[in-house]
N, C-alpha and C. Protein backbone atom coordinates (compact mmCIF):
# COMPACT_ATOMS: atom_id res chain seq x y z
N MET A 1 147.22 199.57 189.69
CA MET A 1 146.43 199.29 188.50
C MET A 1 145.73 200.57 188.05
N ARG A 2 145.69 200.78 186.76
CA ARG A 2 145.09 202.00 186.21
C ARG A 2 143.63 201.78 185.85
N CYS A 3 142.77 202.72 186.29
CA CYS A 3 141.34 202.69 185.95
C CYS A 3 141.15 203.24 184.55
N ASN A 4 140.36 202.54 183.74
CA ASN A 4 140.16 202.99 182.36
C ASN A 4 139.10 204.08 182.24
N VAL A 5 138.56 204.56 183.37
CA VAL A 5 137.58 205.65 183.36
C VAL A 5 138.24 206.94 183.84
N CYS A 6 138.73 206.94 185.07
CA CYS A 6 139.38 208.14 185.60
C CYS A 6 140.86 208.22 185.24
N GLU A 7 141.40 207.06 184.69
CA GLU A 7 142.81 206.98 184.26
C GLU A 7 143.77 207.34 185.38
N GLN A 8 143.50 206.85 186.57
CA GLN A 8 144.38 207.04 187.73
C GLN A 8 144.89 205.69 188.20
N ASP A 9 146.14 205.70 188.67
CA ASP A 9 146.74 204.47 189.24
C ASP A 9 146.27 204.32 190.67
N LYS A 10 145.66 203.20 190.99
CA LYS A 10 145.12 202.95 192.33
C LYS A 10 145.53 201.57 192.82
N GLU A 11 145.37 201.39 194.11
CA GLU A 11 145.69 200.10 194.71
C GLU A 11 144.72 199.04 194.22
N LEU A 12 145.18 197.81 194.24
CA LEU A 12 144.37 196.71 193.74
C LEU A 12 143.10 196.50 194.56
N ASN A 13 143.15 196.84 195.84
CA ASN A 13 141.98 196.66 196.68
C ASN A 13 140.86 197.69 196.38
N GLN A 14 141.14 198.65 195.52
CA GLN A 14 140.14 199.63 195.11
C GLN A 14 139.40 199.20 193.84
N PHE A 15 139.64 197.97 193.42
CA PHE A 15 138.96 197.40 192.26
C PHE A 15 138.16 196.17 192.71
N GLN A 16 137.06 195.93 192.05
CA GLN A 16 136.23 194.79 192.38
C GLN A 16 136.60 193.59 191.53
N SER A 17 136.45 192.44 192.12
CA SER A 17 136.71 191.20 191.40
C SER A 17 135.39 190.49 191.15
N TYR A 18 135.35 189.64 190.12
CA TYR A 18 134.14 188.91 189.79
C TYR A 18 134.52 187.58 189.14
N TRP A 19 133.57 186.67 189.14
CA TRP A 19 133.80 185.35 188.57
C TRP A 19 133.42 185.36 187.09
N HIS A 20 134.38 185.04 186.24
CA HIS A 20 134.15 184.99 184.80
C HIS A 20 133.68 183.59 184.44
N SER A 21 132.41 183.48 184.02
CA SER A 21 131.81 182.16 183.78
C SER A 21 132.41 181.46 182.58
N THR A 22 132.86 182.21 181.58
CA THR A 22 133.43 181.58 180.38
C THR A 22 134.86 181.10 180.63
N GLN A 23 135.65 181.95 181.23
CA GLN A 23 137.05 181.59 181.51
C GLN A 23 137.20 180.75 182.77
N GLN A 24 136.11 180.68 183.56
CA GLN A 24 136.10 179.87 184.78
C GLN A 24 137.23 180.27 185.73
N LYS A 25 137.29 181.59 185.98
CA LYS A 25 138.26 182.08 186.95
C LYS A 25 137.87 183.48 187.40
N MET A 26 138.46 183.94 188.47
CA MET A 26 138.18 185.26 188.99
C MET A 26 138.91 186.31 188.15
N ARG A 27 138.19 187.41 187.86
CA ARG A 27 138.78 188.52 187.11
C ARG A 27 138.61 189.80 187.90
N ILE A 28 139.42 190.80 187.59
CA ILE A 28 139.33 192.10 188.25
C ILE A 28 138.79 193.11 187.23
N ARG A 29 137.81 193.87 187.66
CA ARG A 29 137.21 194.87 186.77
C ARG A 29 138.21 195.95 186.42
N LYS A 30 138.07 196.53 185.22
CA LYS A 30 138.98 197.57 184.77
C LYS A 30 138.60 198.95 185.29
N GLN A 31 137.41 199.05 185.87
CA GLN A 31 136.99 200.31 186.49
C GLN A 31 137.16 200.20 188.00
N CYS A 32 137.65 201.27 188.59
CA CYS A 32 137.78 201.26 190.04
C CYS A 32 136.39 201.28 190.68
N THR A 33 136.33 200.97 191.97
CA THR A 33 135.04 200.88 192.67
C THR A 33 134.30 202.20 192.64
N GLU A 34 135.00 203.29 192.80
CA GLU A 34 134.36 204.61 192.80
C GLU A 34 133.76 204.93 191.42
N CYS A 35 134.52 204.70 190.37
CA CYS A 35 134.00 204.97 189.01
C CYS A 35 132.87 204.02 188.66
N LEU A 36 132.97 202.77 189.09
CA LEU A 36 131.90 201.81 188.82
C LEU A 36 130.61 202.22 189.50
N TYR A 37 130.74 202.75 190.70
CA TYR A 37 129.57 203.24 191.43
C TYR A 37 128.92 204.42 190.69
N GLN A 38 129.76 205.33 190.18
CA GLN A 38 129.26 206.48 189.43
C GLN A 38 128.57 206.05 188.13
N ILE A 39 129.12 205.03 187.48
CA ILE A 39 128.53 204.54 186.23
C ILE A 39 127.16 203.93 186.49
N ARG A 40 127.06 203.15 187.56
CA ARG A 40 125.78 202.51 187.88
C ARG A 40 124.75 203.54 188.34
N MET A 41 125.20 204.54 189.11
CA MET A 41 124.28 205.56 189.57
C MET A 41 123.80 206.41 188.39
N LYS A 42 124.68 206.68 187.43
CA LYS A 42 124.31 207.44 186.25
C LYS A 42 123.23 206.72 185.45
N LYS A 43 123.27 205.40 185.44
CA LYS A 43 122.31 204.61 184.69
C LYS A 43 120.99 204.45 185.44
N LYS A 44 121.06 204.20 186.74
CA LYS A 44 119.86 203.92 187.52
C LYS A 44 119.22 205.17 188.11
N ASN A 45 120.02 206.15 188.49
CA ASN A 45 119.51 207.37 189.12
C ASN A 45 120.24 208.58 188.56
N PRO A 46 119.95 208.95 187.31
CA PRO A 46 120.70 210.05 186.69
C PRO A 46 120.48 211.40 187.38
N ASP A 47 119.30 211.62 187.97
CA ASP A 47 119.05 212.90 188.65
C ASP A 47 120.03 213.10 189.80
N LYS A 48 120.30 212.05 190.54
CA LYS A 48 121.25 212.15 191.64
C LYS A 48 122.67 212.30 191.14
N PHE A 49 122.95 211.65 190.00
CA PHE A 49 124.30 211.70 189.45
C PHE A 49 124.66 213.10 188.95
N TYR A 50 123.68 213.78 188.30
CA TYR A 50 123.96 215.09 187.69
C TYR A 50 123.63 216.28 188.60
N GLN A 51 123.10 216.03 189.80
CA GLN A 51 122.67 217.15 190.63
C GLN A 51 123.82 218.05 191.07
N ASP A 52 125.01 217.54 191.11
CA ASP A 52 126.19 218.34 191.49
C ASP A 52 127.03 218.73 190.28
N LYS A 53 126.44 218.64 189.09
CA LYS A 53 127.16 218.99 187.87
C LYS A 53 126.40 220.12 187.16
N PRO A 54 126.71 221.38 187.48
CA PRO A 54 125.97 222.52 186.90
C PRO A 54 126.13 222.67 185.40
N GLU A 55 127.15 222.04 184.82
CA GLU A 55 127.35 222.16 183.37
C GLU A 55 126.34 221.32 182.59
N TYR A 56 125.61 220.45 183.29
CA TYR A 56 124.58 219.63 182.65
C TYR A 56 123.20 220.16 183.00
N LYS A 57 122.27 219.93 182.09
CA LYS A 57 120.90 220.41 182.29
C LYS A 57 119.93 219.36 181.78
N LYS A 58 118.81 219.18 182.51
CA LYS A 58 117.84 218.17 182.15
C LYS A 58 116.78 218.75 181.22
N CYS A 59 116.55 218.08 180.10
CA CYS A 59 115.56 218.52 179.12
C CYS A 59 114.16 218.15 179.61
N ILE A 60 113.22 219.07 179.51
CA ILE A 60 111.86 218.83 179.99
C ILE A 60 111.06 217.96 179.02
N THR A 61 111.59 217.73 177.82
CA THR A 61 110.86 216.93 176.83
C THR A 61 111.34 215.48 176.82
N CYS A 62 112.63 215.28 176.61
CA CYS A 62 113.16 213.91 176.56
C CYS A 62 113.62 213.41 177.93
N ASN A 63 113.65 214.31 178.94
CA ASN A 63 114.04 213.95 180.32
C ASN A 63 115.45 213.38 180.39
N GLU A 64 116.31 213.85 179.51
CA GLU A 64 117.70 213.42 179.53
C GLU A 64 118.60 214.58 179.95
N TRP A 65 119.67 214.24 180.66
CA TRP A 65 120.65 215.23 181.08
C TRP A 65 121.66 215.42 179.95
N LYS A 66 121.83 216.67 179.52
CA LYS A 66 122.73 216.94 178.42
C LYS A 66 123.61 218.15 178.75
N LEU A 67 124.74 218.21 178.08
CA LEU A 67 125.70 219.28 178.32
C LEU A 67 125.13 220.60 177.80
N GLY A 68 125.00 221.58 178.70
CA GLY A 68 124.36 222.84 178.34
C GLY A 68 125.11 223.64 177.30
N ALA A 69 126.43 223.52 177.26
CA ALA A 69 127.23 224.33 176.35
C ALA A 69 127.09 223.91 174.90
N THR A 70 126.74 222.64 174.65
CA THR A 70 126.69 222.13 173.28
C THR A 70 125.33 221.61 172.87
N GLU A 71 124.51 221.19 173.81
CA GLU A 71 123.24 220.56 173.48
C GLU A 71 122.03 221.47 173.65
N TYR A 72 122.26 222.74 173.99
CA TYR A 72 121.16 223.69 174.18
C TYR A 72 121.47 224.98 173.42
N TYR A 73 120.41 225.68 173.03
CA TYR A 73 120.59 226.99 172.41
C TYR A 73 121.09 227.97 173.47
N GLN A 74 122.06 228.79 173.08
CA GLN A 74 122.72 229.68 174.03
C GLN A 74 122.27 231.13 173.86
N LYS A 75 122.25 231.85 174.95
CA LYS A 75 121.99 233.28 174.96
C LYS A 75 122.85 233.90 176.07
N ASN A 76 123.76 234.78 175.67
CA ASN A 76 124.72 235.37 176.60
C ASN A 76 125.55 234.29 177.28
N GLY A 77 125.85 233.22 176.52
CA GLY A 77 126.70 232.17 177.06
C GLY A 77 126.00 231.17 177.95
N LYS A 78 124.66 231.23 178.05
CA LYS A 78 123.92 230.31 178.92
C LYS A 78 122.71 229.77 178.17
N PRO A 79 122.31 228.54 178.49
CA PRO A 79 121.08 228.00 177.88
C PRO A 79 119.86 228.80 178.32
N TYR A 80 119.02 229.21 177.37
CA TYR A 80 117.87 230.03 177.72
C TYR A 80 116.55 229.26 177.57
N LEU A 81 116.64 227.96 177.24
CA LEU A 81 115.44 227.14 177.16
C LEU A 81 115.60 225.92 178.05
N ASN A 82 114.49 225.37 178.51
CA ASN A 82 114.50 224.14 179.30
C ASN A 82 114.37 222.92 178.42
N ARG A 83 114.50 223.12 177.13
CA ARG A 83 114.40 222.04 176.15
C ARG A 83 115.67 221.99 175.34
N CYS A 84 116.22 220.80 175.13
CA CYS A 84 117.47 220.68 174.41
C CYS A 84 117.30 221.05 172.93
N ARG A 85 118.42 221.21 172.27
CA ARG A 85 118.40 221.64 170.87
C ARG A 85 117.68 220.63 169.97
N GLN A 86 117.93 219.34 170.18
CA GLN A 86 117.32 218.31 169.34
C GLN A 86 115.81 218.29 169.50
N CYS A 87 115.32 218.38 170.73
CA CYS A 87 113.87 218.37 170.97
C CYS A 87 113.22 219.64 170.43
N GLU A 88 113.90 220.78 170.56
CA GLU A 88 113.36 222.04 170.05
C GLU A 88 113.22 222.00 168.53
N LEU A 89 114.22 221.44 167.86
CA LEU A 89 114.15 221.32 166.40
C LEU A 89 113.02 220.39 165.98
N SER A 90 112.85 219.29 166.73
CA SER A 90 111.79 218.35 166.41
C SER A 90 110.41 218.99 166.57
N ILE A 91 110.22 219.77 167.63
CA ILE A 91 108.94 220.45 167.85
C ILE A 91 108.67 221.48 166.77
N GLU A 92 109.70 222.24 166.38
CA GLU A 92 109.52 223.25 165.34
C GLU A 92 109.19 222.61 163.99
N ARG A 93 109.81 221.47 163.71
CA ARG A 93 109.50 220.76 162.46
C ARG A 93 108.05 220.28 162.46
N ASN A 94 107.60 219.77 163.59
CA ASN A 94 106.21 219.30 163.68
C ASN A 94 105.23 220.46 163.54
N LYS A 95 105.56 221.62 164.14
CA LYS A 95 104.70 222.79 164.01
C LYS A 95 104.64 223.24 162.55
N ARG A 96 105.78 223.24 161.87
CA ARG A 96 105.83 223.63 160.47
C ARG A 96 105.01 222.68 159.62
N LYS A 97 105.10 221.38 159.93
CA LYS A 97 104.36 220.37 159.18
C LYS A 97 102.85 220.56 159.38
N GLU A 98 102.43 220.81 160.62
CA GLU A 98 101.01 221.03 160.90
C GLU A 98 100.51 222.30 160.22
N TYR A 99 101.35 223.34 160.21
CA TYR A 99 100.96 224.59 159.55
C TYR A 99 100.75 224.37 158.04
N LEU A 100 101.65 223.62 157.41
CA LEU A 100 101.51 223.35 155.98
C LEU A 100 100.27 222.52 155.69
N MET A 101 99.97 221.56 156.56
CA MET A 101 98.79 220.71 156.36
C MET A 101 97.51 221.52 156.48
N GLU A 102 97.47 222.47 157.42
CA GLU A 102 96.26 223.25 157.65
C GLU A 102 96.11 224.42 156.69
N ASN A 103 97.19 224.81 156.02
CA ASN A 103 97.14 226.00 155.15
C ASN A 103 97.50 225.67 153.70
N CYS A 104 97.22 224.44 153.30
CA CYS A 104 97.42 224.04 151.89
C CYS A 104 98.87 224.17 151.43
N GLY A 105 99.80 223.86 152.31
CA GLY A 105 101.20 223.82 151.90
C GLY A 105 101.90 225.17 151.92
N SER A 106 103.02 225.21 151.24
CA SER A 106 103.86 226.40 151.23
C SER A 106 103.18 227.57 150.54
N GLU A 107 103.55 228.78 150.97
CA GLU A 107 103.02 229.99 150.33
C GLU A 107 103.69 230.26 148.98
N LYS A 108 104.81 229.59 148.72
CA LYS A 108 105.49 229.75 147.44
C LYS A 108 104.77 228.92 146.38
N ILE A 109 104.48 229.55 145.24
CA ILE A 109 103.78 228.87 144.15
C ILE A 109 104.69 228.85 142.92
N PRO A 110 105.15 227.69 142.48
CA PRO A 110 106.00 227.63 141.28
C PRO A 110 105.29 228.18 140.06
N PRO A 111 105.98 228.91 139.19
CA PRO A 111 105.34 229.49 138.00
C PRO A 111 104.99 228.46 136.94
N GLN A 112 105.67 227.31 136.94
CA GLN A 112 105.39 226.30 135.93
C GLN A 112 104.11 225.55 136.28
N PRO A 113 103.31 225.19 135.28
CA PRO A 113 102.09 224.43 135.55
C PRO A 113 102.41 223.02 136.05
N ASN A 114 101.52 222.51 136.90
CA ASN A 114 101.66 221.16 137.47
C ASN A 114 102.94 221.00 138.29
N ARG A 115 103.45 222.09 138.82
CA ARG A 115 104.59 222.05 139.74
C ARG A 115 104.10 222.57 141.09
N TYR A 116 104.50 221.91 142.14
CA TYR A 116 104.04 222.26 143.46
C TYR A 116 105.23 222.37 144.42
N ALA A 117 105.09 223.26 145.39
CA ALA A 117 106.18 223.48 146.35
C ALA A 117 106.35 222.29 147.28
N ASP A 118 105.26 221.61 147.62
CA ASP A 118 105.33 220.44 148.50
C ASP A 118 104.09 219.57 148.28
N GLU A 119 104.05 218.45 148.95
CA GLU A 119 102.96 217.49 148.78
C GLU A 119 101.63 218.04 149.27
N TYR A 120 101.67 218.91 150.31
CA TYR A 120 100.43 219.45 150.86
C TYR A 120 99.78 220.42 149.86
N GLN A 121 100.60 221.20 149.18
CA GLN A 121 100.08 222.13 148.18
C GLN A 121 99.43 221.37 147.02
N LYS A 122 100.04 220.29 146.61
CA LYS A 122 99.49 219.48 145.52
C LYS A 122 98.17 218.84 145.95
N ALA A 123 98.14 218.26 147.16
CA ALA A 123 96.93 217.60 147.64
C ALA A 123 95.78 218.60 147.77
N CYS A 124 96.07 219.80 148.27
CA CYS A 124 95.04 220.82 148.43
C CYS A 124 94.52 221.29 147.07
N THR A 125 95.41 221.47 146.10
CA THR A 125 95.02 221.90 144.76
C THR A 125 94.12 220.87 144.08
N PHE A 126 94.52 219.61 144.18
CA PHE A 126 93.72 218.55 143.57
C PHE A 126 92.36 218.45 144.25
N HIS A 127 92.33 218.59 145.56
CA HIS A 127 91.06 218.51 146.28
C HIS A 127 90.12 219.64 145.86
N PHE A 128 90.66 220.84 145.73
CA PHE A 128 89.84 221.99 145.34
C PHE A 128 89.31 221.84 143.92
N MET A 129 90.18 221.44 142.98
CA MET A 129 89.76 221.30 141.59
C MET A 129 88.72 220.20 141.43
N GLU A 130 88.87 219.11 142.16
CA GLU A 130 87.90 218.02 142.08
C GLU A 130 86.55 218.44 142.67
N MET A 131 86.58 219.26 143.71
CA MET A 131 85.33 219.77 144.27
C MET A 131 84.61 220.68 143.28
N MET A 132 85.36 221.38 142.43
CA MET A 132 84.78 222.26 141.43
C MET A 132 84.29 221.48 140.20
N GLY A 133 84.51 220.17 140.19
CA GLY A 133 84.02 219.35 139.10
C GLY A 133 85.03 219.10 137.99
N TYR A 134 86.30 219.47 138.20
CA TYR A 134 87.32 219.28 137.17
C TYR A 134 87.95 217.89 137.30
N ILE A 135 88.42 217.38 136.18
CA ILE A 135 89.05 216.06 136.11
C ILE A 135 90.47 216.24 135.58
N TYR A 136 91.43 215.62 136.24
CA TYR A 136 92.84 215.76 135.84
C TYR A 136 93.21 214.65 134.87
N ASP A 137 93.78 215.05 133.74
CA ASP A 137 94.24 214.10 132.74
C ASP A 137 95.74 213.89 132.93
N GLU A 138 96.12 212.70 133.40
CA GLU A 138 97.51 212.43 133.75
C GLU A 138 98.47 212.55 132.56
N PRO A 139 98.16 211.98 131.37
CA PRO A 139 99.13 212.05 130.25
C PRO A 139 99.43 213.48 129.80
N THR A 140 98.41 214.33 129.75
CA THR A 140 98.62 215.69 129.26
C THR A 140 98.83 216.71 130.38
N GLY A 141 98.44 216.37 131.60
CA GLY A 141 98.56 217.31 132.71
C GLY A 141 97.57 218.46 132.62
N ILE A 142 96.41 218.22 132.00
CA ILE A 142 95.40 219.26 131.79
C ILE A 142 94.17 218.95 132.63
N TRP A 143 93.62 220.00 133.24
CA TRP A 143 92.36 219.87 133.98
C TRP A 143 91.20 220.15 133.02
N THR A 144 90.21 219.29 133.01
CA THR A 144 89.05 219.48 132.15
C THR A 144 87.78 219.38 132.98
N LYS A 145 86.72 220.02 132.46
CA LYS A 145 85.42 219.94 133.09
C LYS A 145 84.40 219.58 132.03
N PRO A 146 83.72 218.44 132.20
CA PRO A 146 82.77 217.99 131.16
C PRO A 146 81.74 219.07 130.83
N GLY A 147 81.59 219.30 129.52
CA GLY A 147 80.63 220.30 129.06
C GLY A 147 81.25 221.66 128.83
N TYR A 148 82.42 221.91 129.37
CA TYR A 148 83.07 223.21 129.22
C TYR A 148 84.42 223.09 128.52
N LYS A 149 85.15 222.04 128.87
CA LYS A 149 86.49 221.91 128.34
C LYS A 149 86.80 220.43 128.15
N GLU A 150 87.30 220.07 126.97
CA GLU A 150 87.64 218.69 126.67
C GLU A 150 89.03 218.62 126.06
N ILE A 151 89.55 217.41 125.98
CA ILE A 151 90.88 217.20 125.41
C ILE A 151 90.73 216.42 124.11
N LYS A 152 91.30 216.97 123.03
CA LYS A 152 91.26 216.33 121.73
C LYS A 152 92.66 216.40 121.12
N ASP A 153 93.20 215.23 120.81
CA ASP A 153 94.57 215.13 120.26
C ASP A 153 95.59 215.79 121.19
N GLY A 154 95.38 215.64 122.48
CA GLY A 154 96.33 216.18 123.45
C GLY A 154 96.24 217.67 123.67
N LYS A 155 95.19 218.30 123.14
CA LYS A 155 95.03 219.75 123.29
C LYS A 155 93.64 220.07 123.86
N PRO A 156 93.55 221.10 124.68
CA PRO A 156 92.24 221.45 125.25
C PRO A 156 91.38 222.19 124.23
N ILE A 157 90.10 221.85 124.20
CA ILE A 157 89.14 222.54 123.33
C ILE A 157 87.91 222.90 124.14
N PHE A 158 87.18 223.90 123.66
CA PHE A 158 85.95 224.36 124.31
C PHE A 158 84.78 224.09 123.36
N PRO A 159 84.12 222.94 123.50
CA PRO A 159 83.11 222.56 122.51
C PRO A 159 81.88 223.45 122.51
N THR A 160 81.53 224.06 123.62
CA THR A 160 80.30 224.87 123.68
C THR A 160 80.53 226.32 123.32
N LEU A 161 81.78 226.70 123.02
CA LEU A 161 82.09 228.10 122.73
C LEU A 161 82.53 228.25 121.28
N ASN A 162 81.96 229.22 120.61
CA ASN A 162 82.39 229.58 119.26
C ASN A 162 83.09 230.93 119.38
N LEU A 163 84.41 230.87 119.46
CA LEU A 163 85.18 232.08 119.73
C LEU A 163 85.00 233.12 118.63
N LYS A 164 84.73 232.70 117.38
CA LYS A 164 84.58 233.66 116.30
C LYS A 164 83.30 234.49 116.44
N SER A 165 82.31 233.90 117.13
CA SER A 165 81.03 234.60 117.24
C SER A 165 80.95 235.48 118.48
N ILE A 166 82.00 235.43 119.32
CA ILE A 166 81.96 236.22 120.56
C ILE A 166 82.39 237.66 120.25
N ILE A 167 81.57 238.59 120.57
CA ILE A 167 81.87 240.01 120.38
C ILE A 167 81.83 240.68 121.73
N TYR A 168 82.94 241.27 122.10
CA TYR A 168 83.02 241.93 123.39
C TYR A 168 82.52 243.37 123.24
N LYS A 169 81.43 243.65 123.91
CA LYS A 169 80.83 244.98 123.85
C LYS A 169 81.04 245.72 125.16
N ARG A 170 81.45 246.95 125.06
CA ARG A 170 81.59 247.78 126.24
C ARG A 170 80.26 248.45 126.57
N ASN A 171 80.06 248.70 127.80
CA ASN A 171 78.87 249.43 128.22
C ASN A 171 78.95 250.87 127.75
N LYS A 172 78.06 251.24 126.82
CA LYS A 172 78.10 252.58 126.27
C LYS A 172 77.35 253.55 127.18
N ILE A 173 77.86 254.78 127.20
CA ILE A 173 77.23 255.82 128.01
C ILE A 173 76.33 256.64 127.09
N SER A 174 75.12 256.86 127.52
CA SER A 174 74.15 257.60 126.70
C SER A 174 74.59 259.05 126.51
N PRO A 175 74.16 259.68 125.40
CA PRO A 175 74.52 261.09 125.16
C PRO A 175 74.08 262.01 126.30
N THR A 176 72.95 261.70 126.93
CA THR A 176 72.49 262.53 128.04
C THR A 176 73.48 262.51 129.20
N LYS A 177 74.02 261.31 129.49
CA LYS A 177 75.00 261.21 130.57
C LYS A 177 76.30 261.89 130.21
N LEU A 178 76.66 261.82 128.92
CA LEU A 178 77.89 262.48 128.49
C LEU A 178 77.80 263.98 128.70
N ASP A 179 76.66 264.57 128.36
CA ASP A 179 76.48 266.01 128.58
C ASP A 179 76.46 266.33 130.06
N ARG A 180 75.86 265.44 130.85
CA ARG A 180 75.78 265.66 132.29
C ARG A 180 77.17 265.62 132.93
N ILE A 181 78.05 264.77 132.40
CA ILE A 181 79.42 264.68 132.91
C ILE A 181 80.14 266.02 132.76
N LEU A 182 80.01 266.62 131.57
CA LEU A 182 80.68 267.90 131.31
C LEU A 182 80.12 269.01 132.19
N ILE A 183 78.79 268.99 132.40
CA ILE A 183 78.17 270.03 133.22
C ILE A 183 78.65 269.93 134.67
N LEU A 184 78.66 268.70 135.21
CA LEU A 184 79.09 268.51 136.60
C LEU A 184 80.58 268.83 136.77
N ARG A 185 81.34 268.53 135.74
CA ARG A 185 82.78 268.83 135.84
C ARG A 185 83.02 270.33 135.86
N GLU A 186 82.26 271.07 135.04
CA GLU A 186 82.39 272.53 135.01
C GLU A 186 81.96 273.15 136.34
N GLN A 187 81.07 272.45 137.06
CA GLN A 187 80.62 272.94 138.36
C GLN A 187 81.60 272.60 139.49
N GLY A 188 82.69 271.90 139.14
CA GLY A 188 83.72 271.62 140.13
C GLY A 188 83.63 270.27 140.80
N PHE A 189 82.76 269.40 140.30
CA PHE A 189 82.66 268.07 140.90
C PHE A 189 83.89 267.22 140.53
N SER A 190 84.33 266.38 141.46
CA SER A 190 85.46 265.48 141.20
C SER A 190 84.99 264.29 140.38
N TYR A 191 85.95 263.54 139.82
CA TYR A 191 85.61 262.36 139.03
C TYR A 191 84.82 261.35 139.86
N GLU A 192 85.22 261.17 141.12
CA GLU A 192 84.54 260.20 141.99
C GLU A 192 83.09 260.60 142.25
N LYS A 193 82.85 261.88 142.49
CA LYS A 193 81.49 262.34 142.76
C LYS A 193 80.60 262.25 141.52
N ILE A 194 81.20 262.56 140.36
CA ILE A 194 80.43 262.45 139.11
C ILE A 194 80.05 261.00 138.85
N ALA A 195 81.01 260.08 139.09
CA ALA A 195 80.75 258.65 138.88
C ALA A 195 79.65 258.16 139.82
N ALA A 196 79.70 258.60 141.08
CA ALA A 196 78.67 258.19 142.04
C ALA A 196 77.31 258.77 141.68
N GLU A 197 77.30 259.97 141.12
CA GLU A 197 76.05 260.62 140.76
C GLU A 197 75.37 259.93 139.58
N LEU A 198 76.17 259.49 138.59
CA LEU A 198 75.62 258.91 137.37
C LEU A 198 75.62 257.38 137.37
N GLY A 199 76.25 256.77 138.38
CA GLY A 199 76.27 255.31 138.44
C GLY A 199 77.21 254.67 137.46
N ILE A 200 78.33 255.33 137.17
CA ILE A 200 79.34 254.78 136.28
C ILE A 200 80.68 254.82 137.00
N SER A 201 81.72 254.30 136.36
CA SER A 201 83.03 254.30 136.99
C SER A 201 83.73 255.64 136.80
N ASP A 202 84.61 255.97 137.75
CA ASP A 202 85.36 257.22 137.64
C ASP A 202 86.34 257.17 136.46
N THR A 203 86.76 255.95 136.07
CA THR A 203 87.64 255.81 134.91
C THR A 203 86.92 256.23 133.63
N ALA A 204 85.64 255.84 133.50
CA ALA A 204 84.85 256.23 132.33
C ALA A 204 84.66 257.75 132.28
N VAL A 205 84.49 258.36 133.45
CA VAL A 205 84.34 259.82 133.51
C VAL A 205 85.61 260.50 133.05
N TYR A 206 86.75 260.00 133.55
CA TYR A 206 88.05 260.58 133.20
C TYR A 206 88.32 260.46 131.69
N LYS A 207 88.04 259.28 131.12
CA LYS A 207 88.31 259.06 129.70
C LYS A 207 87.42 259.95 128.83
N HIS A 208 86.15 260.11 129.23
CA HIS A 208 85.24 260.94 128.41
C HIS A 208 85.68 262.41 128.42
N ILE A 209 86.06 262.90 129.59
CA ILE A 209 86.50 264.30 129.69
C ILE A 209 87.80 264.50 128.92
N LYS A 210 88.71 263.52 129.01
CA LYS A 210 89.97 263.62 128.29
C LYS A 210 89.74 263.62 126.78
N LYS A 211 88.84 262.76 126.32
CA LYS A 211 88.52 262.70 124.90
C LYS A 211 87.86 264.00 124.43
N TRP A 212 86.99 264.55 125.27
CA TRP A 212 86.31 265.80 124.92
C TRP A 212 87.32 266.95 124.80
N LYS A 213 88.31 266.99 125.70
CA LYS A 213 89.33 268.04 125.66
C LYS A 213 90.20 267.90 124.41
N GLN A 214 90.51 266.65 124.00
CA GLN A 214 91.31 266.45 122.81
C GLN A 214 90.56 266.92 121.56
N ASN A 215 89.27 266.65 121.53
CA ASN A 215 88.47 267.09 120.38
C ASN A 215 88.36 268.62 120.33
N GLN A 216 88.32 269.26 121.50
CA GLN A 216 88.24 270.70 121.55
C GLN A 216 89.52 271.38 121.10
N SER A 217 90.67 270.70 121.35
CA SER A 217 91.95 271.32 120.99
C SER A 217 92.25 271.19 119.50
N LYS A 218 91.53 270.35 118.78
CA LYS A 218 91.79 270.18 117.33
C LYS A 218 91.23 271.35 116.53
């Protein structure tokens, strides 16, 4: 009789018989006694079953014995982790999920408004804007803050600002400072030192000297 596990022809006495309750007669198992013993030991005591099988390795996370060549990450032809591939991927996914939750989602920011890389980025953005006092208008997708920005006919307006009356004035440098800039520059001071001496930016110093030189060349 052929065993359907090891596929070897063996004597009938190497197979176990049992009483079939439905058919009401004795039947012979299709697995030989040796293979049946191995199957039961694999189920009840897998550590003992796999201890003589070096091609298998036990995962420290799921505690299952798996084939090292296919179920583990390989390095130089050998598994280099005590955790199977499936458990390692699951742990890495959980770490990535926790990182996104703690850091307001993905570092990638879509250029389009009201577009988010993931749910964590959206939740963090909404939480921050609401803490700042802004209200999200679902139909228009516009954030507004009472007293500063409102929505009228589907467009944002600034009721407290009269844009026509706003005049942007630059901080003018007094004539005394302008003369002082030229004197310090002639003495060999750098733009940074002149700016620190007069309390202005080095860019303003550079622009004034450049303008003065252009006027001199005319």
